[in-house]
């Protein structure tokens, strides 16, 4: 569906680019106030918290400048959807830009499987994240995929699609929401710019992400 929309000249780059879609997360905000400075007693202040099978969350103190925040966990497997925030790049408001599965790891890395993109064009992408406030995380995600295959031929590498997400986990620990911005840059392994994240993006997509935790039934 998304490939047909991208076929128009207006959106060609956009989703050859958006083909480089990878799911995101996010909602900016630090809902709760920081814990008192006196609570700086974590044995490992930089480690993300871990979600437990009993539904409880083991927390750790995270540094944000000179402040400490008691962190709710985002570690685990999530089902996510990304929908555009307003009409843009030839696509309507609320358009289902991407959806799939995301895995957030305890070591601060993240992996996504995008169902909005065929495996032949690259449907797996990777990211890193850190806590920026209570229950709130900032993620930098990079997709290195191909434009959609044409008539059976392999797609062409366009450049990195960089996704910036700010995600907030709710009190239940079962959902998160947030802001999602995808910037498609031009790059090629032929001249050493395959990881280029500088200059004017070919296209930018602004969206919102929602996710629900996957648990053992």
N, C-alpha and C. Protein backbone atom coordinates (compact mmCIF):
# COMPACT_ATOMS: atom_id res chain seq x y z
N UNK A 1 0.84 -1.20 0.00
CA UNK A 1 0.00 0.00 0.00
C UNK A 1 0.87 1.24 0.00
N UNK A 2 1.88 1.23 0.90
CA UNK A 2 2.70 2.43 1.00
C UNK A 2 3.52 2.65 -0.25
N UNK A 3 3.89 1.56 -0.95
CA UNK A 3 4.73 1.70 -2.13
C UNK A 3 3.98 2.38 -3.27
N UNK A 4 2.65 2.10 -3.41
CA UNK A 4 1.87 2.73 -4.46
C UNK A 4 1.81 4.23 -4.25
N UNK A 5 1.62 4.64 -2.99
CA UNK A 5 1.54 6.06 -2.69
C UNK A 5 2.87 6.73 -2.99
N UNK A 6 3.96 5.99 -2.76
CA UNK A 6 5.25 6.58 -2.95
C UNK A 6 5.64 6.66 -4.41
N UNK A 7 4.87 6.04 -5.25
CA UNK A 7 5.21 6.03 -6.66
C UNK A 7 5.10 7.41 -7.28
N UNK A 8 4.24 8.27 -6.73
CA UNK A 8 4.07 9.59 -7.30
C UNK A 8 5.38 10.35 -7.19
N UNK A 9 5.62 11.26 -8.14
CA UNK A 9 6.87 12.00 -8.18
C UNK A 9 7.10 12.73 -6.87
N UNK A 10 5.99 13.23 -6.31
CA UNK A 10 6.06 14.00 -5.08
C UNK A 10 6.63 13.20 -3.93
N UNK A 11 6.31 11.91 -3.93
CA UNK A 11 6.63 11.09 -2.78
C UNK A 11 7.67 10.03 -3.10
N UNK A 12 8.19 10.04 -4.32
CA UNK A 12 9.11 9.01 -4.76
C UNK A 12 10.26 8.85 -3.80
N UNK A 13 10.95 9.96 -3.60
CA UNK A 13 12.08 9.91 -2.71
C UNK A 13 11.56 9.59 -1.32
N UNK A 14 10.46 10.26 -0.97
CA UNK A 14 9.94 10.12 0.37
C UNK A 14 9.84 8.69 0.80
N UNK A 15 9.38 7.80 -0.03
CA UNK A 15 9.28 6.48 0.56
C UNK A 15 10.05 5.43 -0.13
N UNK A 16 10.75 5.73 -1.12
CA UNK A 16 11.87 4.86 -1.41
C UNK A 16 12.53 4.92 -0.08
N UNK A 17 12.38 6.18 0.47
CA UNK A 17 12.92 6.52 1.76
C UNK A 17 12.09 5.86 2.82
N UNK A 18 10.84 6.08 2.72
CA UNK A 18 10.02 5.56 3.77
C UNK A 18 10.10 4.07 3.74
N UNK A 19 10.53 3.52 2.60
CA UNK A 19 10.85 2.12 2.56
C UNK A 19 11.88 1.82 3.59
N UNK A 20 12.70 2.80 3.89
CA UNK A 20 13.75 2.60 4.88
C UNK A 20 13.17 2.76 6.27
N UNK A 21 11.88 2.78 6.30
CA UNK A 21 11.13 2.84 7.52
C UNK A 21 11.62 1.86 8.57
N UNK A 22 11.66 2.34 9.72
CA UNK A 22 11.92 1.44 10.81
C UNK A 22 11.12 1.94 11.98
N UNK A 23 10.64 1.11 12.79
CA UNK A 23 9.77 1.61 13.78
C UNK A 23 10.46 2.43 14.83
N UNK A 24 9.72 3.24 15.48
CA UNK A 24 10.26 4.10 16.48
C UNK A 24 9.53 3.98 17.77
N UNK A 25 9.61 4.96 18.59
CA UNK A 25 8.92 4.99 19.83
C UNK A 25 8.63 6.37 20.19
N UNK A 26 8.03 6.58 21.33
CA UNK A 26 8.30 7.77 21.96
C UNK A 26 7.47 8.80 22.59
N UNK A 27 7.32 9.67 23.20
CA UNK A 27 6.58 10.77 23.66
C UNK A 27 7.46 11.54 24.60
N UNK A 28 7.67 12.78 24.20
CA UNK A 28 8.52 13.62 25.01
C UNK A 28 7.85 13.94 26.32
N UNK A 29 8.60 14.03 27.36
CA UNK A 29 8.03 14.42 28.62
C UNK A 29 8.65 13.66 29.76
N UNK A 30 8.72 14.24 30.90
CA UNK A 30 9.29 13.62 32.07
C UNK A 30 8.26 13.59 33.16
N UNK A 31 7.05 13.36 32.92
CA UNK A 31 5.95 13.38 33.85
C UNK A 31 6.26 13.68 35.29
N UNK A 32 7.13 12.87 35.94
CA UNK A 32 7.32 13.02 37.37
C UNK A 32 8.54 13.87 37.69
N UNK A 33 8.54 14.43 38.88
CA UNK A 33 9.67 15.24 39.30
C UNK A 33 10.86 14.36 39.63
N UNK A 34 12.08 14.89 39.49
CA UNK A 34 13.28 14.11 39.80
C UNK A 34 13.35 13.75 41.27
N UNK A 35 13.98 12.61 41.55
CA UNK A 35 14.15 12.20 42.93
C UNK A 35 15.15 13.14 43.60
N UNK A 36 15.12 13.14 44.91
CA UNK A 36 16.00 14.03 45.65
C UNK A 36 17.45 13.69 45.36
N UNK A 37 18.29 14.73 45.33
CA UNK A 37 19.70 14.53 45.02
C UNK A 37 20.36 13.58 46.00
N UNK A 38 19.82 13.48 47.18
CA UNK A 38 20.42 12.62 48.19
C UNK A 38 20.32 11.16 47.86
N UNK A 39 19.45 10.80 46.90
CA UNK A 39 19.26 9.39 46.55
C UNK A 39 20.25 8.94 45.49
N UNK A 40 21.46 9.40 45.55
CA UNK A 40 22.48 9.03 44.58
C UNK A 40 23.25 7.84 45.10
N UNK A 41 22.58 6.70 45.20
CA UNK A 41 23.23 5.56 45.83
C UNK A 41 23.10 4.29 45.01
N UNK A 42 22.90 4.40 43.72
CA UNK A 42 22.86 3.19 42.89
C UNK A 42 24.26 2.64 42.71
N UNK A 43 24.43 1.31 42.81
CA UNK A 43 25.73 0.71 42.60
C UNK A 43 26.13 0.77 41.14
N UNK A 44 25.14 0.90 40.26
CA UNK A 44 25.42 1.00 38.82
C UNK A 44 24.48 2.01 38.22
N UNK A 45 24.74 3.32 38.39
CA UNK A 45 23.80 4.37 38.02
C UNK A 45 23.51 4.47 36.54
N UNK A 46 24.32 3.84 35.68
CA UNK A 46 24.08 3.99 34.25
C UNK A 46 23.28 2.86 33.65
N UNK A 47 22.92 1.86 34.43
CA UNK A 47 22.27 0.68 33.86
C UNK A 47 20.76 0.86 33.75
N UNK A 48 20.18 0.47 32.59
CA UNK A 48 18.72 0.54 32.45
C UNK A 48 18.05 -0.42 33.43
N UNK A 49 16.79 -0.15 33.77
CA UNK A 49 16.05 -1.03 34.67
C UNK A 49 15.55 -2.24 33.89
N UNK A 50 15.16 -3.26 34.61
CA UNK A 50 14.73 -4.51 33.99
C UNK A 50 13.28 -4.82 34.33
N UNK A 51 12.50 -5.15 33.30
CA UNK A 51 11.10 -5.55 33.50
C UNK A 51 11.08 -6.99 34.00
N UNK A 52 10.27 -7.26 35.03
CA UNK A 52 10.21 -8.61 35.57
C UNK A 52 8.94 -9.31 35.15
N UNK A 53 9.02 -10.63 35.08
CA UNK A 53 7.88 -11.43 34.63
C UNK A 53 6.68 -11.31 35.56
N UNK A 54 6.89 -10.93 36.81
CA UNK A 54 5.77 -10.81 37.74
C UNK A 54 5.03 -9.49 37.57
N UNK A 55 5.43 -8.70 36.55
CA UNK A 55 4.74 -7.46 36.27
C UNK A 55 5.33 -6.27 37.00
N UNK A 56 6.27 -6.51 37.92
CA UNK A 56 6.90 -5.42 38.63
C UNK A 56 8.13 -4.96 37.86
N UNK A 57 8.59 -3.78 38.20
CA UNK A 57 9.75 -3.23 37.51
C UNK A 57 10.87 -2.98 38.51
N UNK A 58 12.03 -3.57 38.26
CA UNK A 58 13.19 -3.29 39.10
C UNK A 58 13.80 -1.99 38.60
N UNK A 59 13.98 -1.03 39.47
CA UNK A 59 14.44 0.27 39.03
C UNK A 59 15.89 0.54 39.38
N UNK A 60 16.45 1.55 38.68
CA UNK A 60 17.82 1.98 38.95
C UNK A 60 17.86 3.49 38.82
N UNK A 61 18.82 4.14 39.43
CA UNK A 61 18.93 5.59 39.32
C UNK A 61 19.78 5.95 38.11
N UNK A 62 19.29 6.89 37.30
CA UNK A 62 19.97 7.31 36.08
C UNK A 62 20.38 8.77 36.21
N UNK A 63 21.54 9.11 35.66
CA UNK A 63 22.00 10.49 35.72
C UNK A 63 21.48 11.31 34.55
N UNK A 64 20.95 12.48 34.81
CA UNK A 64 20.53 13.42 33.77
C UNK A 64 21.09 14.77 34.21
N UNK A 65 22.23 15.13 33.67
CA UNK A 65 22.91 16.31 34.13
C UNK A 65 23.30 16.07 35.58
N UNK A 66 22.88 16.93 36.50
CA UNK A 66 23.16 16.76 37.91
C UNK A 66 21.99 16.13 38.65
N UNK A 67 20.96 15.72 37.89
CA UNK A 67 19.76 15.17 38.52
C UNK A 67 19.76 13.65 38.40
N UNK A 68 19.01 13.02 39.30
CA UNK A 68 18.84 11.57 39.25
C UNK A 68 17.35 11.26 39.10
N UNK A 69 17.08 10.28 38.30
CA UNK A 69 15.69 9.90 38.09
C UNK A 69 15.53 8.42 38.36
N UNK A 70 14.46 8.07 39.07
CA UNK A 70 14.16 6.65 39.25
C UNK A 70 13.48 6.20 37.96
N UNK A 71 14.06 5.22 37.29
CA UNK A 71 13.71 4.88 35.94
C UNK A 71 12.77 3.67 35.84
N UNK A 72 11.66 3.81 35.13
CA UNK A 72 10.79 2.66 34.85
C UNK A 72 11.33 1.96 33.62
N UNK A 73 11.14 0.67 33.52
CA UNK A 73 11.81 -0.10 32.48
C UNK A 73 11.13 -0.06 31.12
N UNK A 74 11.97 -0.06 30.09
CA UNK A 74 11.48 -0.20 28.72
C UNK A 74 12.04 -1.47 28.10
N UNK A 75 12.85 -2.20 28.89
CA UNK A 75 13.46 -3.43 28.41
C UNK A 75 12.38 -4.47 28.12
N UNK A 76 12.47 -5.14 26.95
CA UNK A 76 11.52 -6.17 26.60
C UNK A 76 11.11 -6.12 25.14
N UNK A 77 10.08 -6.89 24.81
CA UNK A 77 9.57 -6.98 23.45
C UNK A 77 8.26 -6.20 23.34
N UNK A 78 8.14 -5.40 22.25
CA UNK A 78 6.97 -4.52 22.09
C UNK A 78 6.39 -4.63 20.68
N UNK A 79 5.08 -4.54 20.60
CA UNK A 79 4.37 -4.38 19.32
C UNK A 79 4.14 -2.88 19.14
N UNK A 80 4.49 -2.34 17.96
CA UNK A 80 4.38 -0.90 17.82
C UNK A 80 3.67 -0.49 16.51
N UNK A 81 3.15 0.71 16.53
CA UNK A 81 2.60 1.36 15.33
C UNK A 81 3.12 2.79 15.27
N UNK A 82 3.40 3.25 14.05
CA UNK A 82 3.83 4.64 13.84
C UNK A 82 2.85 5.28 12.87
N UNK A 83 2.22 6.38 13.28
CA UNK A 83 1.26 7.08 12.43
C UNK A 83 1.68 8.53 12.25
N UNK A 84 1.56 9.04 11.02
CA UNK A 84 1.98 10.39 10.72
C UNK A 84 1.19 11.41 11.51
N UNK A 85 1.88 12.46 11.93
CA UNK A 85 1.25 13.55 12.67
C UNK A 85 1.05 14.71 11.71
N UNK A 86 -0.11 14.74 11.06
CA UNK A 86 -0.39 15.76 10.05
C UNK A 86 -0.05 15.25 8.66
N UNK A 87 -0.71 15.79 7.64
CA UNK A 87 -0.44 15.41 6.25
C UNK A 87 0.96 15.91 5.88
N UNK A 88 1.72 15.08 5.19
CA UNK A 88 3.09 15.46 4.81
C UNK A 88 3.64 14.54 3.74
N UNK A 89 4.50 15.08 2.89
CA UNK A 89 5.16 14.31 1.84
C UNK A 89 4.16 13.50 1.00
N UNK A 90 2.98 14.07 0.76
CA UNK A 90 1.99 13.39 -0.06
C UNK A 90 1.19 12.33 0.66
N UNK A 91 1.38 12.16 1.96
CA UNK A 91 0.67 11.15 2.73
C UNK A 91 -0.28 11.84 3.72
N UNK A 92 -1.43 11.23 4.00
CA UNK A 92 -2.44 11.87 4.85
C UNK A 92 -2.13 11.80 6.34
N UNK A 93 -2.77 12.66 7.11
CA UNK A 93 -2.66 12.66 8.56
C UNK A 93 -3.12 11.30 9.09
N UNK A 94 -2.38 10.75 10.03
CA UNK A 94 -2.76 9.48 10.63
C UNK A 94 -2.36 8.27 9.81
N UNK A 95 -1.67 8.48 8.69
CA UNK A 95 -1.26 7.37 7.84
C UNK A 95 -0.39 6.39 8.63
N UNK A 96 -0.65 5.07 8.47
CA UNK A 96 0.14 4.05 9.14
C UNK A 96 1.49 3.95 8.44
N UNK A 97 2.45 4.66 8.97
CA UNK A 97 3.76 4.79 8.36
C UNK A 97 4.61 3.54 8.55
N UNK A 98 4.47 2.89 9.68
CA UNK A 98 5.21 1.66 9.95
C UNK A 98 4.56 0.92 11.12
N UNK A 99 4.85 -0.37 11.20
CA UNK A 99 4.39 -1.17 12.33
C UNK A 99 5.25 -2.43 12.39
N UNK A 100 5.31 -3.04 13.56
CA UNK A 100 6.13 -4.24 13.68
C UNK A 100 6.47 -4.56 15.12
N UNK A 101 7.66 -5.11 15.33
CA UNK A 101 8.12 -5.52 16.64
C UNK A 101 9.43 -4.81 16.98
N UNK A 102 9.57 -4.42 18.24
CA UNK A 102 10.79 -3.76 18.69
C UNK A 102 11.27 -4.45 19.97
N UNK A 103 12.58 -4.66 20.05
CA UNK A 103 13.18 -5.27 21.23
C UNK A 103 14.17 -4.29 21.84
N UNK A 104 13.90 -3.91 23.10
CA UNK A 104 14.79 -3.01 23.84
C UNK A 104 15.60 -3.86 24.81
N UNK A 105 16.92 -3.76 24.72
CA UNK A 105 17.79 -4.60 25.54
C UNK A 105 18.33 -3.84 26.75
N UNK A 106 18.72 -4.59 27.76
CA UNK A 106 19.20 -4.00 29.01
C UNK A 106 20.50 -3.23 28.83
N UNK A 107 21.27 -3.55 27.78
CA UNK A 107 22.56 -2.88 27.58
C UNK A 107 22.46 -1.54 26.84
N UNK A 108 21.22 -1.07 26.58
CA UNK A 108 21.05 0.21 25.92
C UNK A 108 20.98 0.13 24.41
N UNK A 109 20.86 -1.07 23.86
CA UNK A 109 20.68 -1.23 22.42
C UNK A 109 19.24 -1.62 22.12
N UNK A 110 18.84 -1.47 20.86
CA UNK A 110 17.44 -1.71 20.46
C UNK A 110 17.42 -2.27 19.04
N UNK A 111 16.44 -3.13 18.76
CA UNK A 111 16.31 -3.74 17.44
C UNK A 111 14.85 -3.73 17.01
N UNK A 112 14.61 -3.47 15.71
CA UNK A 112 13.24 -3.45 15.20
C UNK A 112 13.09 -4.31 13.96
N UNK A 113 11.93 -4.95 13.86
CA UNK A 113 11.53 -5.67 12.67
C UNK A 113 10.31 -4.93 12.10
N UNK A 114 10.46 -4.36 10.92
CA UNK A 114 9.41 -3.56 10.32
C UNK A 114 8.54 -4.39 9.38
N UNK A 115 7.25 -4.39 9.63
CA UNK A 115 6.32 -5.07 8.73
C UNK A 115 5.88 -4.14 7.61
N UNK A 116 6.30 -2.87 7.67
CA UNK A 116 5.96 -1.91 6.62
C UNK A 116 6.93 -1.96 5.46
N UNK A 117 7.86 -2.90 5.49
CA UNK A 117 8.89 -3.01 4.46
C UNK A 117 9.17 -4.47 4.16
N UNK A 118 9.31 -4.87 2.90
CA UNK A 118 9.58 -6.26 2.56
C UNK A 118 10.98 -6.68 2.99
N UNK A 119 11.16 -7.93 3.41
CA UNK A 119 12.48 -8.41 3.83
C UNK A 119 13.55 -8.21 2.75
N UNK A 120 13.17 -8.33 1.49
CA UNK A 120 14.14 -8.20 0.40
C UNK A 120 14.73 -6.79 0.31
N UNK A 121 14.06 -5.82 0.93
CA UNK A 121 14.55 -4.45 0.89
C UNK A 121 15.19 -4.04 2.22
N UNK A 122 15.20 -4.97 3.18
CA UNK A 122 15.80 -4.67 4.47
C UNK A 122 14.75 -4.25 5.48
N UNK A 123 14.31 -5.19 6.32
CA UNK A 123 13.24 -4.89 7.28
C UNK A 123 13.71 -4.94 8.72
N UNK A 124 15.02 -4.99 8.93
CA UNK A 124 15.59 -5.01 10.28
C UNK A 124 16.50 -3.80 10.44
N UNK A 125 16.39 -3.11 11.58
CA UNK A 125 17.26 -1.97 11.84
C UNK A 125 17.60 -1.91 13.32
N UNK A 126 18.62 -1.12 13.64
CA UNK A 126 19.18 -1.13 14.99
C UNK A 126 19.29 0.26 15.57
N UNK A 127 19.27 0.33 16.91
CA UNK A 127 19.37 1.63 17.56
C UNK A 127 20.01 1.53 18.93
N UNK A 128 20.24 2.70 19.53
CA UNK A 128 20.75 2.79 20.89
C UNK A 128 19.86 3.78 21.65
N UNK A 129 19.82 3.66 22.98
CA UNK A 129 18.95 4.55 23.75
C UNK A 129 19.55 4.82 25.12
N UNK A 130 19.00 5.85 25.76
CA UNK A 130 19.38 6.17 27.14
C UNK A 130 18.18 6.82 27.83
N UNK A 131 18.16 6.76 29.14
CA UNK A 131 17.09 7.41 29.91
C UNK A 131 17.38 8.90 29.98
N UNK A 132 16.34 9.72 29.82
CA UNK A 132 16.50 11.17 29.93
C UNK A 132 15.61 11.75 31.03
N UNK A 133 14.86 10.89 31.69
CA UNK A 133 13.97 11.33 32.77
C UNK A 133 13.22 10.13 33.29
N UNK A 134 12.39 10.35 34.26
CA UNK A 134 11.64 9.23 34.82
C UNK A 134 10.71 8.64 33.77
N UNK A 135 10.86 7.35 33.52
CA UNK A 135 10.03 6.60 32.56
C UNK A 135 10.22 7.06 31.11
N UNK A 136 11.18 7.91 30.84
CA UNK A 136 11.32 8.52 29.51
C UNK A 136 12.68 8.21 28.91
N UNK A 137 12.69 7.84 27.62
CA UNK A 137 13.89 7.39 26.96
C UNK A 137 14.06 8.06 25.60
N UNK A 138 15.32 8.34 25.26
CA UNK A 138 15.63 8.89 23.94
C UNK A 138 16.36 7.83 23.14
N UNK A 139 15.89 7.59 21.93
CA UNK A 139 16.47 6.55 21.08
C UNK A 139 16.96 7.12 19.75
N UNK A 140 18.15 6.71 19.35
CA UNK A 140 18.72 7.07 18.05
C UNK A 140 18.82 5.78 17.25
N UNK A 141 18.11 5.73 16.15
CA UNK A 141 17.93 4.48 15.40
C UNK A 141 18.35 4.71 13.94
N UNK A 142 19.05 3.73 13.36
CA UNK A 142 19.53 3.87 11.99
C UNK A 142 19.07 2.68 11.15
N UNK A 143 18.46 2.97 10.01
CA UNK A 143 18.05 1.94 9.06
C UNK A 143 18.92 2.03 7.82
N UNK A 144 19.52 0.91 7.45
CA UNK A 144 20.34 0.86 6.24
C UNK A 144 19.68 -0.13 5.28
N UNK A 145 18.73 0.35 4.51
CA UNK A 145 17.98 -0.52 3.63
C UNK A 145 18.04 -0.07 2.19
N UNK A 146 17.34 -0.80 1.35
CA UNK A 146 17.29 -0.50 -0.08
C UNK A 146 15.94 0.10 -0.43
N UNK A 147 15.90 0.85 -1.54
CA UNK A 147 14.62 1.31 -2.06
C UNK A 147 13.85 0.06 -2.50
N UNK A 148 12.52 0.13 -2.64
CA UNK A 148 11.73 -1.04 -3.01
C UNK A 148 12.22 -1.67 -4.31
N UNK A 149 12.33 -3.01 -4.35
CA UNK A 149 12.75 -3.69 -5.57
C UNK A 149 11.83 -3.35 -6.74
N UNK A 150 12.38 -3.22 -7.92
CA UNK A 150 11.61 -2.88 -9.12
C UNK A 150 11.66 -4.05 -10.11
N UNK A 151 10.51 -4.55 -10.49
CA UNK A 151 10.41 -5.60 -11.51
C UNK A 151 11.38 -6.75 -11.25
N UNK A 152 11.43 -7.20 -10.03
CA UNK A 152 12.26 -8.36 -9.72
C UNK A 152 13.71 -8.04 -9.46
N UNK A 153 14.15 -6.83 -9.78
CA UNK A 153 15.55 -6.45 -9.56
C UNK A 153 15.73 -5.95 -8.13
N UNK A 154 16.94 -6.09 -7.64
CA UNK A 154 17.22 -5.64 -6.27
C UNK A 154 17.10 -4.13 -6.19
N UNK A 155 16.71 -3.63 -5.02
CA UNK A 155 16.59 -2.20 -4.84
C UNK A 155 17.96 -1.53 -4.77
N UNK A 156 17.95 -0.23 -4.72
CA UNK A 156 19.18 0.56 -4.68
C UNK A 156 19.32 1.21 -3.31
N UNK A 157 20.53 1.21 -2.78
CA UNK A 157 20.77 1.85 -1.49
C UNK A 157 20.64 3.36 -1.65
N UNK A 158 19.81 3.97 -0.80
CA UNK A 158 19.54 5.40 -0.88
C UNK A 158 20.42 6.17 0.10
N UNK A 159 20.60 5.62 1.29
CA UNK A 159 21.32 6.29 2.36
C UNK A 159 20.68 5.93 3.68
N UNK A 160 21.26 6.35 4.80
CA UNK A 160 20.70 5.99 6.11
C UNK A 160 19.42 6.74 6.42
N UNK A 161 18.45 6.03 6.97
CA UNK A 161 17.23 6.65 7.48
C UNK A 161 17.41 6.73 8.99
N UNK A 162 17.53 7.94 9.52
CA UNK A 162 17.80 8.14 10.94
C UNK A 162 16.49 8.44 11.67
N UNK A 163 16.22 7.67 12.69
CA UNK A 163 14.98 7.83 13.45
C UNK A 163 15.31 8.28 14.87
N UNK A 164 14.71 9.38 15.28
CA UNK A 164 14.87 9.90 16.63
C UNK A 164 13.53 9.76 17.36
N UNK A 165 13.57 9.09 18.50
CA UNK A 165 12.34 8.85 19.26
C UNK A 165 12.54 9.26 20.71
N UNK A 166 11.51 9.83 21.29
CA UNK A 166 11.49 10.06 22.74
C UNK A 166 10.25 9.34 23.27
N UNK A 167 10.45 8.28 24.02
CA UNK A 167 9.35 7.42 24.44
C UNK A 167 9.13 7.47 25.94
N UNK A 168 7.87 7.49 26.33
CA UNK A 168 7.51 7.48 27.75
C UNK A 168 6.68 6.24 28.06
N UNK A 169 7.15 5.45 29.03
CA UNK A 169 6.44 4.25 29.46
C UNK A 169 5.40 4.66 30.51
N UNK A 170 4.18 4.13 30.39
CA UNK A 170 3.13 4.51 31.34
C UNK A 170 3.32 3.79 32.68
N UNK A 171 2.47 4.15 33.66
CA UNK A 171 2.61 3.61 35.01
C UNK A 171 2.49 2.09 35.08
N UNK A 172 1.73 1.52 34.17
CA UNK A 172 1.54 0.07 34.18
C UNK A 172 2.78 -0.67 33.69
N UNK A 173 3.63 0.01 32.94
CA UNK A 173 4.80 -0.64 32.35
C UNK A 173 4.46 -1.45 31.13
N UNK A 174 3.21 -1.38 30.69
CA UNK A 174 2.74 -2.20 29.57
C UNK A 174 2.62 -1.44 28.26
N UNK A 175 2.75 -0.12 28.29
CA UNK A 175 2.57 0.69 27.07
C UNK A 175 3.57 1.84 27.06
N UNK A 176 3.91 2.27 25.85
CA UNK A 176 4.64 3.53 25.74
C UNK A 176 4.15 4.30 24.52
N UNK A 177 4.30 5.61 24.58
CA UNK A 177 3.92 6.48 23.47
C UNK A 177 4.99 7.54 23.33
N UNK A 178 5.02 8.19 22.18
CA UNK A 178 6.00 9.26 22.04
C UNK A 178 6.11 9.84 20.64
N UNK A 179 7.09 10.73 20.51
CA UNK A 179 7.36 11.40 19.24
C UNK A 179 8.33 10.58 18.41
N UNK A 180 8.20 10.74 17.10
CA UNK A 180 8.99 9.93 16.16
C UNK A 180 9.31 10.81 14.96
N UNK A 181 10.60 10.96 14.65
CA UNK A 181 11.01 11.75 13.48
C UNK A 181 11.98 10.92 12.66
N UNK A 182 11.64 10.69 11.39
CA UNK A 182 12.53 9.98 10.48
C UNK A 182 13.10 10.96 9.48
N UNK A 183 14.43 11.00 9.38
CA UNK A 183 15.13 11.85 8.41
C UNK A 183 15.90 10.95 7.46
N UNK A 184 15.58 11.02 6.18
CA UNK A 184 16.25 10.21 5.17
C UNK A 184 17.39 11.00 4.55
N UNK A 185 18.62 10.51 4.72
CA UNK A 185 19.80 11.16 4.16
C UNK A 185 20.28 10.41 2.93
N UNK A 186 20.98 11.11 2.06
CA UNK A 186 21.57 10.50 0.87
C UNK A 186 22.95 9.96 1.23
N UNK A 187 23.27 8.78 0.69
CA UNK A 187 24.58 8.20 0.96
C UNK A 187 24.84 7.02 0.05
N UNK A 188 26.12 6.70 -0.14
CA UNK A 188 26.49 5.58 -1.01
C UNK A 188 27.81 4.98 -0.56
N UNK A 189 27.90 3.64 -0.56
CA UNK A 189 29.17 3.00 -0.21
C UNK A 189 30.23 3.26 -1.28
N UNK A 190 29.83 3.71 -2.46
CA UNK A 190 30.78 3.96 -3.54
C UNK A 190 31.73 5.10 -3.23
N UNK A 191 31.27 6.07 -2.42
CA UNK A 191 32.14 7.21 -2.10
C UNK A 191 32.34 7.38 -0.59
N UNK A 192 32.01 6.35 0.17
CA UNK A 192 32.25 6.39 1.61
C UNK A 192 31.23 7.18 2.41
N UNK A 193 30.07 7.47 1.82
CA UNK A 193 29.05 8.26 2.53
C UNK A 193 27.85 7.40 2.97
N UNK A 194 28.05 6.08 3.04
CA UNK A 194 26.91 5.20 3.35
C UNK A 194 26.32 5.44 4.74
N UNK A 195 27.10 6.07 5.64
CA UNK A 195 26.59 6.36 6.99
C UNK A 195 26.37 7.86 7.19
N UNK A 196 26.24 8.61 6.12
CA UNK A 196 26.09 10.05 6.21
C UNK A 196 24.83 10.46 6.97
N UNK A 197 24.99 11.31 7.99
CA UNK A 197 23.84 11.85 8.73
C UNK A 197 23.93 13.37 8.78
N UNK A 198 24.57 13.97 7.77
CA UNK A 198 24.76 15.42 7.76
C UNK A 198 24.11 16.03 6.52
N UNK A 199 23.95 17.34 6.58
CA UNK A 199 23.38 18.05 5.44
C UNK A 199 21.87 18.03 5.43
N UNK A 200 21.29 18.47 4.33
CA UNK A 200 19.84 18.53 4.19
C UNK A 200 19.27 17.14 3.88
N UNK A 201 18.33 16.65 4.70
CA UNK A 201 17.73 15.34 4.43
C UNK A 201 16.94 15.36 3.11
N UNK A 202 16.84 14.22 2.48
CA UNK A 202 16.02 14.09 1.28
C UNK A 202 14.54 14.22 1.64
N UNK A 203 14.19 13.76 2.81
CA UNK A 203 12.80 13.85 3.28
C UNK A 203 12.78 13.69 4.79
N UNK A 204 11.78 14.29 5.42
CA UNK A 204 11.60 14.18 6.88
C UNK A 204 10.14 13.82 7.15
N UNK A 205 9.91 12.87 8.02
CA UNK A 205 8.56 12.46 8.41
C UNK A 205 8.41 12.65 9.92
N UNK A 206 7.34 13.32 10.33
CA UNK A 206 7.03 13.51 11.74
C UNK A 206 5.83 12.65 12.11
N UNK A 207 5.95 11.89 13.17
CA UNK A 207 4.89 10.95 13.51
C UNK A 207 4.81 10.75 15.02
N UNK A 208 3.84 9.94 15.42
CA UNK A 208 3.69 9.52 16.81
C UNK A 208 3.76 8.00 16.85
N UNK A 209 4.37 7.47 17.90
CA UNK A 209 4.47 6.03 18.03
C UNK A 209 3.73 5.56 19.27
N UNK A 210 3.08 4.41 19.16
CA UNK A 210 2.44 3.77 20.31
C UNK A 210 2.91 2.31 20.33
N UNK A 211 3.05 1.75 21.51
CA UNK A 211 3.53 0.38 21.61
C UNK A 211 2.93 -0.32 22.82
N UNK A 212 2.81 -1.64 22.72
CA UNK A 212 2.26 -2.45 23.81
C UNK A 212 3.21 -3.60 24.06
N UNK A 213 3.50 -3.88 25.32
CA UNK A 213 4.45 -4.92 25.69
C UNK A 213 3.92 -6.32 25.35
N UNK A 214 4.79 -7.18 24.85
CA UNK A 214 4.45 -8.57 24.60
C UNK A 214 4.92 -9.39 25.79
N UNK A 215 4.02 -10.18 26.36
CA UNK A 215 4.36 -10.99 27.54
C UNK A 215 3.97 -12.45 27.32
N UNK A 216 4.48 -13.32 28.16
CA UNK A 216 4.12 -14.73 28.10
C UNK A 216 2.73 -14.91 28.67
N UNK A 217 1.85 -15.56 27.90
CA UNK A 217 0.45 -15.73 28.34
C UNK A 217 0.32 -16.90 29.31
